[in-house]
Amino acid sequence: MAASCCPGHGRFCLILLLAEHKHGAATGTRMPIVHQLGPCSPLADKHGKAPSHEEILAADQPRVEYIHRRVTETTGQVRPKRAAPPSAPSVQLQPTPLSSSAASAKLLASSGNAVGTGNYVVAIGLGTPEERLTVVFDTGSDTTWVQCQPCVESCYPQQEPLFTPAKSSTYANISCSSSYCSDLDIRGLRLFWRPLPLRRPEFRFRCGEDNRGLFGRSAGRMDLGRGKTSLTAQARDKYGVRDRVPGPRPAANARLTPMLTDKGPTFYYVGLTGIKEDGRPLPIPESFFFAAGALVDSGTVITRLPPKAYSPLRSAFAKAMEDLGYKKAPGVSILDTCYDLEGGEGKALPAVSMAFQGGASLDVDASGILYMPKTHGVLYDLGNKVVGFVPGAC
């Protein structure tokens, strides 16, 4: 894992553990990532005003609504109705033929996937010669895409120049009649992708030439979901992922929980079994969590709980804060349990812990009571079908 360029700031890392059969050992791939609004991000506006909490949470809502729609489509579970959310960003796609034999019909579609301000970004290389691009990485989607030249209709502003397929000697279109295209929610293209440290020839992705949305000046999105068209699925041929891969744990302090693979093809589900406040289990029946499972998502700003789980957590936390002498402050957007911490230096804060199947736990200490801890590594072990939380991994 590369060292952070800003050692004084909280860091976060994603560990993608595939199974590369090298001398009988399973190895993992680590990608250094940064928050797109953080001081290390190449997309951060160093001289502009940072978005407010209200703006961040407002931008997060379309993402949450997108996840709810996808869950409903996959499981048939109907979510409670809410006020109509803002429209999800639209991504219009069109193939760019390199020869007269290539398809030239315009393919219009909407990705339907909202990308808010809470996302992390990673640098990748595309094409030959390599063009470096900064993209959002997303564990809740299945097909990578970037903006491409020529920009036929509309392209949102991005940090680097748009990817130019015509300059790549290893770029080629995919036939619209291919089995790969049938796996997409919208049509896709094919090219040669050479990111480091994971190099993957013949990587398939979508090339967007009519794009609308709020993507934070990123060049596009790298999708790491569990579906057939994601980077993780395409890397299986190279890394030899099987249903079960023996091998050592990636870290002695990794807290592993089984990945629930029967909940849908895209998202990473885990079994949340309970919540503790200062070591005391909250009065939430364990059976309450079993029906739907919990979803680990890289693109959502804050953890969200259903009312039957959030209400006892809020009550216990508020009681503990009152006992410690903290005064309540006005709420911010959907955050209704806020406090004035002025003069509270050195005081303790209540600790929150989330318990998962298999004995794993995620401890949310004072550094991340409202926002998840920033120095945790999140492990996605696709071979062994587990998700892990690694304290201090970054």
Protein backbone atom coordinates (compact mmCIF):
# COMPACT_ATOMS: atom_id res chain seq x y z
CA MET A 1 0.00 0.00 0.00
CA ALA A 2 1.52 3.31 -1.01
CA ALA A 3 1.96 5.81 1.78
CA SER A 4 -0.49 8.67 1.94
CA CYS A 5 0.78 11.98 0.61
CA CYS A 6 -0.86 13.58 3.64
CA PRO A 7 0.16 11.47 6.65
CA GLY A 8 -1.66 13.80 9.02
CA HIS A 9 -5.03 13.08 7.45
CA GLY A 10 -7.26 10.04 7.81
CA ARG A 11 -6.81 7.43 5.16
CA PHE A 12 -8.87 4.59 3.75
CA CYS A 13 -7.92 1.65 1.60
CA LEU A 14 -9.59 -1.09 -0.35
CA ILE A 15 -8.03 -4.54 -0.51
CA LEU A 16 -9.19 -6.63 -3.46
CA LEU A 17 -8.21 -10.22 -2.68
CA LEU A 18 -8.34 -12.45 -5.72
CA ALA A 19 -6.52 -15.76 -5.97
CA GLU A 20 -3.36 -15.68 -8.02
CA HIS A 21 -1.89 -19.17 -8.00
CA LYS A 22 1.76 -18.38 -7.58
CA HIS A 23 3.74 -21.11 -5.83
CA GLY A 24 0.51 -22.26 -4.19
CA ALA A 25 -0.18 -19.00 -2.41
CA ALA A 26 -3.13 -16.66 -2.73
CA THR A 27 -2.14 -13.05 -3.04
CA GLY A 28 -4.07 -9.81 -2.97
CA THR A 29 -3.99 -6.57 -4.87
CA ARG A 30 -4.02 -3.28 -2.97
CA MET A 31 -5.01 -0.02 -4.59
CA PRO A 32 -4.08 3.30 -2.98
CA ILE A 33 -7.18 5.48 -3.03
CA VAL A 34 -8.12 8.92 -1.77
CA HIS A 35 -11.36 10.74 -1.08
CA GLN A 36 -12.20 12.96 -4.03
CA LEU A 37 -12.66 15.98 -1.73
CA GLY A 38 -9.58 15.23 0.37
CA PRO A 39 -6.26 17.13 0.34
CA CYS A 40 -4.51 14.31 -1.55
CA SER A 41 -7.08 14.11 -4.33
CA PRO A 42 -6.08 15.35 -7.80
CA LEU A 43 -9.73 16.38 -8.21
CA ALA A 44 -9.91 18.57 -5.12
CA ASP A 45 -10.40 22.28 -5.68
CA LYS A 46 -7.48 23.62 -3.64
CA HIS A 47 -8.78 27.19 -3.77
CA GLY A 48 -12.53 26.63 -3.80
CA LYS A 49 -14.99 26.28 -0.94
CA ALA A 50 -15.56 22.77 0.38
CA PRO A 51 -19.18 21.58 0.21
CA SER A 52 -21.23 21.86 3.38
CA HIS A 53 -22.60 18.89 5.30
CA GLU A 54 -26.03 19.70 3.88
CA GLU A 55 -24.70 19.63 0.31
CA ILE A 56 -22.82 16.37 0.88
CA LEU A 57 -25.87 14.65 2.34
CA ALA A 58 -28.14 16.02 -0.40
CA ALA A 59 -25.78 14.62 -3.03
CA ASP A 60 -25.78 11.29 -1.20
CA GLN A 61 -29.54 10.85 -1.33
CA PRO A 62 -29.78 9.95 -5.05
CA ARG A 63 -27.16 7.27 -4.43
CA VAL A 64 -29.25 5.77 -1.63
CA GLU A 65 -32.37 5.87 -3.79
CA TYR A 66 -30.46 4.13 -6.59
CA ILE A 67 -29.45 1.32 -4.22
CA HIS A 68 -33.04 0.97 -3.00
CA ARG A 69 -34.28 0.70 -6.59
CA ARG A 70 -31.70 -1.94 -7.44
CA VAL A 71 -32.51 -3.95 -4.31
CA THR A 72 -36.21 -3.77 -5.12
CA GLU A 73 -35.60 -4.91 -8.70
CA THR A 74 -33.44 -7.81 -7.54
CA THR A 75 -35.35 -9.06 -4.50
CA GLY A 76 -38.86 -7.75 -5.07
CA GLN A 77 -38.81 -6.18 -1.61
CA VAL A 78 -40.73 -2.91 -1.74
CA ARG A 79 -39.15 -0.06 0.19
CA PRO A 80 -41.18 2.58 2.04
CA LYS A 81 -42.19 5.42 -0.23
CA ARG A 82 -40.30 8.70 0.09
CA ALA A 83 -40.56 12.08 -1.54
CA ALA A 84 -39.32 11.97 -5.11
CA PRO A 85 -35.50 12.21 -5.11
CA PRO A 86 -33.49 14.32 -7.53
CA SER A 87 -33.03 12.67 -10.90
CA ALA A 88 -30.04 10.34 -11.12
CA PRO A 89 -27.24 11.54 -13.39
CA SER A 90 -27.69 10.42 -16.96
CA VAL A 91 -24.89 8.90 -18.99
CA GLN A 92 -25.48 8.73 -22.73
CA LEU A 93 -23.22 6.32 -24.58
CA GLN A 94 -22.17 5.98 -28.20
CA PRO A 95 -19.59 3.65 -29.77
CA THR A 96 -16.68 5.19 -31.67
CA PRO A 97 -15.86 3.00 -34.69
CA LEU A 98 -12.24 2.73 -35.79
CA SER A 99 -13.11 1.31 -39.18
CA SER A 100 -15.98 1.25 -41.64
CA SER A 101 -16.86 -2.28 -40.52
CA ALA A 102 -17.52 -1.21 -36.95
CA ALA A 103 -21.02 -0.45 -35.74
CA SER A 104 -21.93 3.25 -35.93
CA ALA A 105 -25.46 3.39 -34.54
CA LYS A 106 -25.96 5.76 -31.63
CA LEU A 107 -26.82 3.94 -28.41
CA LEU A 108 -28.69 6.05 -25.90
CA ALA A 109 -29.18 4.88 -22.35
CA SER A 110 -29.09 6.03 -18.77
CA SER A 111 -26.76 4.41 -16.28
CA GLY A 112 -29.24 5.09 -13.49
CA ASN A 113 -26.38 5.13 -11.00
CA ALA A 114 -25.93 8.26 -8.94
CA VAL A 115 -22.38 9.18 -7.93
CA GLY A 116 -22.35 11.62 -5.04
CA THR A 117 -19.69 13.58 -3.19
CA GLY A 118 -18.74 10.75 -0.85
CA ASN A 119 -16.77 8.74 -3.36
CA TYR A 120 -13.14 7.73 -3.39
CA VAL A 121 -10.98 7.98 -6.49
CA VAL A 122 -8.10 5.98 -7.94
CA ALA A 123 -5.65 6.61 -10.81
CA ILE A 124 -5.73 4.17 -13.72
CA GLY A 125 -4.12 3.86 -17.13
CA LEU A 126 -6.09 3.19 -20.32
CA GLY A 127 -5.00 2.26 -23.83
CA THR A 128 -1.68 2.00 -25.65
CA PRO A 129 0.11 4.33 -25.19
CA GLU A 130 -1.29 4.66 -21.71
CA GLU A 131 -3.48 7.63 -20.82
CA ARG A 132 -3.66 8.34 -17.09
CA LEU A 133 -7.13 9.08 -15.71
CA THR A 134 -8.64 9.64 -12.28
CA VAL A 135 -11.87 7.70 -11.80
CA VAL A 136 -14.32 7.09 -8.99
CA PHE A 137 -14.23 3.48 -7.81
CA ASP A 138 -17.54 1.92 -6.96
CA THR A 139 -18.34 -1.40 -5.29
CA GLY A 140 -22.04 -0.94 -6.07
CA SER A 141 -21.92 -1.08 -9.89
CA ASP A 142 -20.81 -3.58 -12.49
CA THR A 143 -19.57 -1.85 -15.64
CA THR A 144 -16.65 0.58 -15.81
CA TRP A 145 -16.98 3.64 -18.04
CA VAL A 146 -15.05 6.81 -18.89
CA GLN A 147 -15.78 9.88 -21.01
CA CYS A 148 -14.37 9.59 -24.52
CA GLN A 149 -13.46 11.77 -27.47
CA PRO A 150 -15.18 12.83 -29.61
CA CYS A 151 -17.69 14.32 -27.19
CA VAL A 152 -20.71 14.04 -29.50
CA GLU A 153 -23.41 15.74 -27.44
CA SER A 154 -22.33 16.78 -23.96
CA CYS A 155 -19.51 15.98 -21.55
CA TYR A 156 -19.21 17.29 -18.00
CA PRO A 157 -15.91 18.99 -16.99
CA GLN A 158 -13.19 16.61 -15.86
CA GLN A 159 -9.65 17.05 -14.53
CA GLU A 160 -7.65 15.27 -17.26
CA PRO A 161 -8.17 15.31 -21.04
CA LEU A 162 -10.87 12.94 -22.26
CA PHE A 163 -9.74 9.46 -23.27
CA THR A 164 -9.22 9.29 -27.04
CA PRO A 165 -9.86 5.78 -28.41
CA ALA A 166 -8.45 6.68 -31.84
CA LYS A 167 -4.99 7.18 -30.28
CA SER A 168 -4.89 3.70 -28.77
CA SER A 169 -3.43 0.87 -30.85
CA THR A 170 -5.18 -1.71 -28.68
CA TYR A 171 -8.69 -0.25 -28.76
CA ALA A 172 -11.53 -2.02 -30.59
CA ASN A 173 -15.32 -2.01 -30.55
CA ILE A 174 -17.36 -4.90 -29.26
CA SER A 175 -20.10 -6.20 -31.51
CA CYS A 176 -23.57 -5.29 -30.28
CA SER A 177 -24.56 -8.94 -30.85
CA SER A 178 -21.86 -10.27 -28.51
CA SER A 179 -22.67 -12.15 -25.32
CA TYR A 180 -20.85 -9.44 -23.37
CA CYS A 181 -23.27 -6.76 -24.56
CA SER A 182 -26.20 -8.94 -23.54
CA ASP A 183 -24.85 -8.88 -19.97
CA LEU A 184 -24.90 -5.07 -19.84
CA ASP A 185 -27.79 -2.90 -18.74
CA ILE A 186 -26.61 -0.66 -21.57
CA ARG A 187 -24.21 -1.26 -24.46
CA GLY A 188 -20.46 -1.39 -24.00
CA LEU A 189 -17.13 -1.14 -25.75
CA ARG A 190 -13.83 -2.90 -25.51
CA LEU A 191 -10.27 -1.71 -25.13
CA PHE A 192 -6.91 -2.55 -23.60
CA TRP A 193 -6.51 -1.41 -20.00
CA ARG A 194 -3.11 -1.30 -18.31
CA PRO A 195 -3.52 -0.13 -14.72
CA LEU A 196 -0.79 -0.74 -12.16
CA PRO A 197 -0.24 -2.92 -10.21
CA LEU A 198 -3.00 -5.02 -11.79
CA ARG A 199 -2.63 -5.29 -15.58
CA ARG A 200 -5.56 -6.65 -17.52
CA PRO A 201 -5.45 -6.95 -21.35
CA GLU A 202 -8.73 -6.96 -23.29
CA PHE A 203 -10.55 -5.19 -20.50
CA ARG A 204 -14.10 -4.24 -21.53
CA PHE A 205 -15.74 -1.00 -20.52
CA ARG A 206 -18.24 1.62 -21.67
CA CYS A 207 -17.15 4.68 -23.60
CA GLY A 208 -19.37 7.70 -22.90
CA GLU A 209 -19.68 10.50 -25.45
CA ASP A 210 -22.90 12.14 -24.23
CA ASN A 211 -22.64 12.41 -20.46
CA ARG A 212 -24.56 14.39 -17.88
CA GLY A 213 -24.23 14.30 -14.14
CA LEU A 214 -22.29 15.36 -11.08
CA PHE A 215 -19.14 13.26 -11.09
CA GLY A 216 -16.75 15.62 -9.34
CA ARG A 217 -14.40 16.19 -12.32
CA SER A 218 -13.53 12.48 -12.42
CA ALA A 219 -12.99 10.85 -15.81
CA GLY A 220 -15.57 8.17 -15.10
CA ARG A 221 -16.10 5.19 -12.86
CA MET A 222 -14.28 1.93 -12.16
CA ASP A 223 -16.84 -0.67 -11.12
CA LEU A 224 -15.95 -3.39 -8.63
CA GLY A 225 -19.34 -5.01 -8.08
CA ARG A 226 -20.00 -8.74 -8.21
CA GLY A 227 -21.69 -8.75 -11.63
CA LYS A 228 -20.42 -10.37 -14.83
CA THR A 229 -19.08 -7.18 -16.41
CA SER A 230 -17.17 -5.69 -13.46
CA LEU A 231 -13.39 -5.47 -13.12
CA THR A 232 -13.46 -8.16 -10.46
CA ALA A 233 -15.28 -10.58 -12.76
CA GLN A 234 -13.03 -9.83 -15.74
CA ALA A 235 -9.93 -10.34 -13.58
CA ARG A 236 -10.96 -13.86 -12.62
CA ASP A 237 -9.34 -15.38 -15.70
CA LYS A 238 -6.00 -13.86 -14.78
CA TYR A 239 -6.21 -14.43 -11.03
CA GLY A 240 -7.89 -17.83 -11.08
CA VAL A 241 -10.69 -17.15 -8.61
CA ARG A 242 -12.52 -20.31 -7.56
CA ASP A 243 -15.42 -20.93 -5.22
CA ARG A 244 -12.99 -21.59 -2.40
CA VAL A 245 -9.33 -20.67 -2.37
CA PRO A 246 -7.11 -21.83 0.48
CA GLY A 247 -4.59 -19.34 1.71
CA PRO A 248 -3.52 -17.22 4.64
CA ARG A 249 -5.56 -14.33 5.88
CA PRO A 250 -4.37 -11.00 4.48
CA ALA A 251 -3.79 -9.59 7.96
CA ALA A 252 -3.68 -11.10 11.42
CA ASN A 253 -6.13 -8.49 12.71
CA ALA A 254 -8.61 -8.81 9.83
CA ARG A 255 -12.16 -9.35 11.09
CA LEU A 256 -13.91 -11.51 8.52
CA THR A 257 -17.60 -12.09 7.96
CA PRO A 258 -19.26 -14.28 5.30
CA MET A 259 -20.33 -12.60 2.07
CA LEU A 260 -24.05 -13.22 1.47
CA THR A 261 -24.18 -14.14 -2.21
CA ASP A 262 -27.90 -14.99 -2.43
CA LYS A 263 -29.10 -11.40 -2.05
CA GLY A 264 -28.33 -10.22 -5.59
CA PRO A 265 -25.59 -10.24 -8.25
CA THR A 266 -24.04 -6.79 -7.76
CA PHE A 267 -23.80 -5.65 -4.16
CA TYR A 268 -21.66 -6.94 -1.31
CA TYR A 269 -24.04 -8.12 1.40
CA VAL A 270 -23.00 -9.14 4.92
CA GLY A 271 -24.95 -10.36 7.93
CA LEU A 272 -25.29 -7.63 10.57
CA THR A 273 -26.30 -9.35 13.81
CA GLY A 274 -26.34 -6.55 16.36
CA ILE A 275 -25.15 -3.13 17.52
CA LYS A 276 -23.43 -2.24 20.79
CA GLU A 277 -23.07 1.10 22.55
CA ASP A 278 -20.15 1.24 25.00
CA GLY A 279 -20.03 -2.55 24.94
CA ARG A 280 -23.71 -3.02 25.77
CA PRO A 281 -25.91 -4.77 23.17
CA LEU A 282 -28.86 -2.66 22.08
CA PRO A 283 -32.38 -4.14 22.39
CA ILE A 284 -32.67 -5.08 18.72
CA PRO A 285 -33.77 -8.67 17.97
CA GLU A 286 -31.10 -10.49 15.95
CA SER A 287 -33.83 -11.80 13.66
CA PHE A 288 -34.56 -8.22 12.58
CA PHE A 289 -31.31 -8.07 10.57
CA PHE A 290 -31.55 -11.47 8.88
CA ALA A 291 -34.24 -10.83 6.27
CA ALA A 292 -32.50 -8.18 4.17
CA GLY A 293 -28.83 -8.27 5.19
CA ALA A 294 -26.53 -5.26 5.32
CA LEU A 295 -24.87 -3.72 2.29
CA VAL A 296 -21.23 -2.54 2.17
CA ASP A 297 -20.97 0.31 -0.34
CA SER A 298 -17.97 2.48 -1.20
CA GLY A 299 -20.05 5.35 -2.58
CA THR A 300 -22.41 6.15 0.30
CA VAL A 301 -21.39 8.93 2.68
CA ILE A 302 -22.75 7.64 5.99
CA THR A 303 -24.11 4.41 7.43
CA ARG A 304 -27.90 4.22 7.26
CA LEU A 305 -30.04 2.04 9.49
CA PRO A 306 -33.76 1.24 9.39
CA PRO A 307 -35.82 3.04 12.06
CA LYS A 308 -36.17 -0.05 14.27
CA ALA A 309 -32.37 -0.25 14.54
CA TYR A 310 -31.55 3.46 14.49
CA SER A 311 -34.03 4.49 17.18
CA PRO A 312 -32.51 2.40 20.03
CA LEU A 313 -28.99 3.41 18.94
CA ARG A 314 -29.92 7.09 18.98
CA SER A 315 -31.58 6.79 22.39
CA ALA A 316 -28.62 4.97 23.95
CA PHE A 317 -26.10 7.36 22.42
CA ALA A 318 -28.06 10.44 23.52
CA LYS A 319 -28.30 9.11 27.07
CA ALA A 320 -24.55 8.45 27.18
CA MET A 321 -23.76 11.93 25.82
CA GLU A 322 -26.07 13.51 28.39
CA ASP A 323 -24.33 11.60 31.18
CA LEU A 324 -20.99 12.93 29.90
CA GLY A 325 -22.27 16.51 30.06
CA TYR A 326 -22.46 17.29 26.33
CA LYS A 327 -25.08 19.75 25.12
CA LYS A 328 -27.21 19.06 22.08
CA ALA A 329 -26.83 21.19 18.95
CA PRO A 330 -29.22 21.80 16.03
CA GLY A 331 -29.49 18.95 13.57
CA VAL A 332 -28.00 19.02 10.08
CA SER A 333 -30.13 17.66 7.25
CA ILE A 334 -30.98 14.05 8.14
CA LEU A 335 -28.55 14.07 11.09
CA ASP A 336 -30.78 14.55 14.12
CA THR A 337 -28.38 13.73 16.98
CA CYS A 338 -25.78 16.51 17.03
CA TYR A 339 -23.76 17.99 19.88
CA ASP A 340 -21.69 21.02 20.77
CA LEU A 341 -18.20 19.65 21.46
CA GLU A 342 -16.64 23.00 22.35
CA GLY A 343 -14.64 22.65 25.53
CA GLY A 344 -14.87 18.87 25.38
CA GLU A 345 -11.23 18.23 24.54
CA GLY A 346 -9.99 15.18 26.38
CA LYS A 347 -13.48 13.93 27.17
CA ALA A 348 -14.49 10.44 26.17
CA LEU A 349 -17.21 9.75 23.64
CA PRO A 350 -19.46 6.69 23.60
CA ALA A 351 -18.12 3.88 21.42
CA VAL A 352 -20.34 2.14 18.88
CA SER A 353 -19.67 -1.35 17.56
CA MET A 354 -21.42 -3.28 14.81
CA ALA A 355 -21.41 -7.08 15.09
CA PHE A 356 -21.49 -9.36 12.05
CA GLN A 357 -21.88 -13.05 11.36
CA GLY A 358 -18.78 -15.08 12.07
CA GLY A 359 -17.79 -12.95 15.04
CA ALA A 360 -16.50 -9.97 13.04
CA SER A 361 -17.04 -6.48 14.38
CA LEU A 362 -16.52 -2.93 13.19
CA ASP A 363 -15.67 -0.53 16.00
CA VAL A 364 -16.71 3.07 15.45
CA ASP A 365 -14.73 5.14 17.93
CA ALA A 366 -14.55 8.88 18.58
CA SER A 367 -12.86 9.50 15.22
CA GLY A 368 -15.85 8.18 13.30
CA ILE A 369 -19.04 8.38 15.34
CA LEU A 370 -20.90 10.14 12.55
CA TYR A 371 -18.54 9.21 9.73
CA MET A 372 -17.02 5.75 9.51
CA PRO A 373 -13.38 5.33 10.67
CA LYS A 374 -10.98 6.59 8.02
CA THR A 375 -8.03 4.32 8.74
CA HIS A 376 -9.87 1.03 8.27
CA GLY A 377 -9.15 -1.26 5.36
CA VAL A 378 -12.13 -2.99 3.77
CA LEU A 379 -11.29 -6.43 2.41
CA TYR A 380 -13.32 -8.06 -0.36
CA ASP A 381 -12.15 -11.70 -0.54
CA LEU A 382 -13.97 -13.01 -3.60
CA GLY A 383 -12.34 -16.44 -3.52
CA ASN A 384 -13.32 -17.22 0.05
CA LYS A 385 -16.54 -15.18 -0.16
CA VAL A 386 -15.88 -13.03 2.90
CA VAL A 387 -15.78 -9.32 3.64
CA GLY A 388 -13.30 -8.09 6.24
CA PHE A 389 -12.57 -4.99 8.29
CA VAL A 390 -8.90 -4.30 9.05
CA PRO A 391 -8.24 -1.65 11.73
CA GLY A 392 -5.27 0.59 11.01
CA ALA A 393 -4.61 -1.04 7.64
CA CYS A 394 -3.87 2.22 5.82
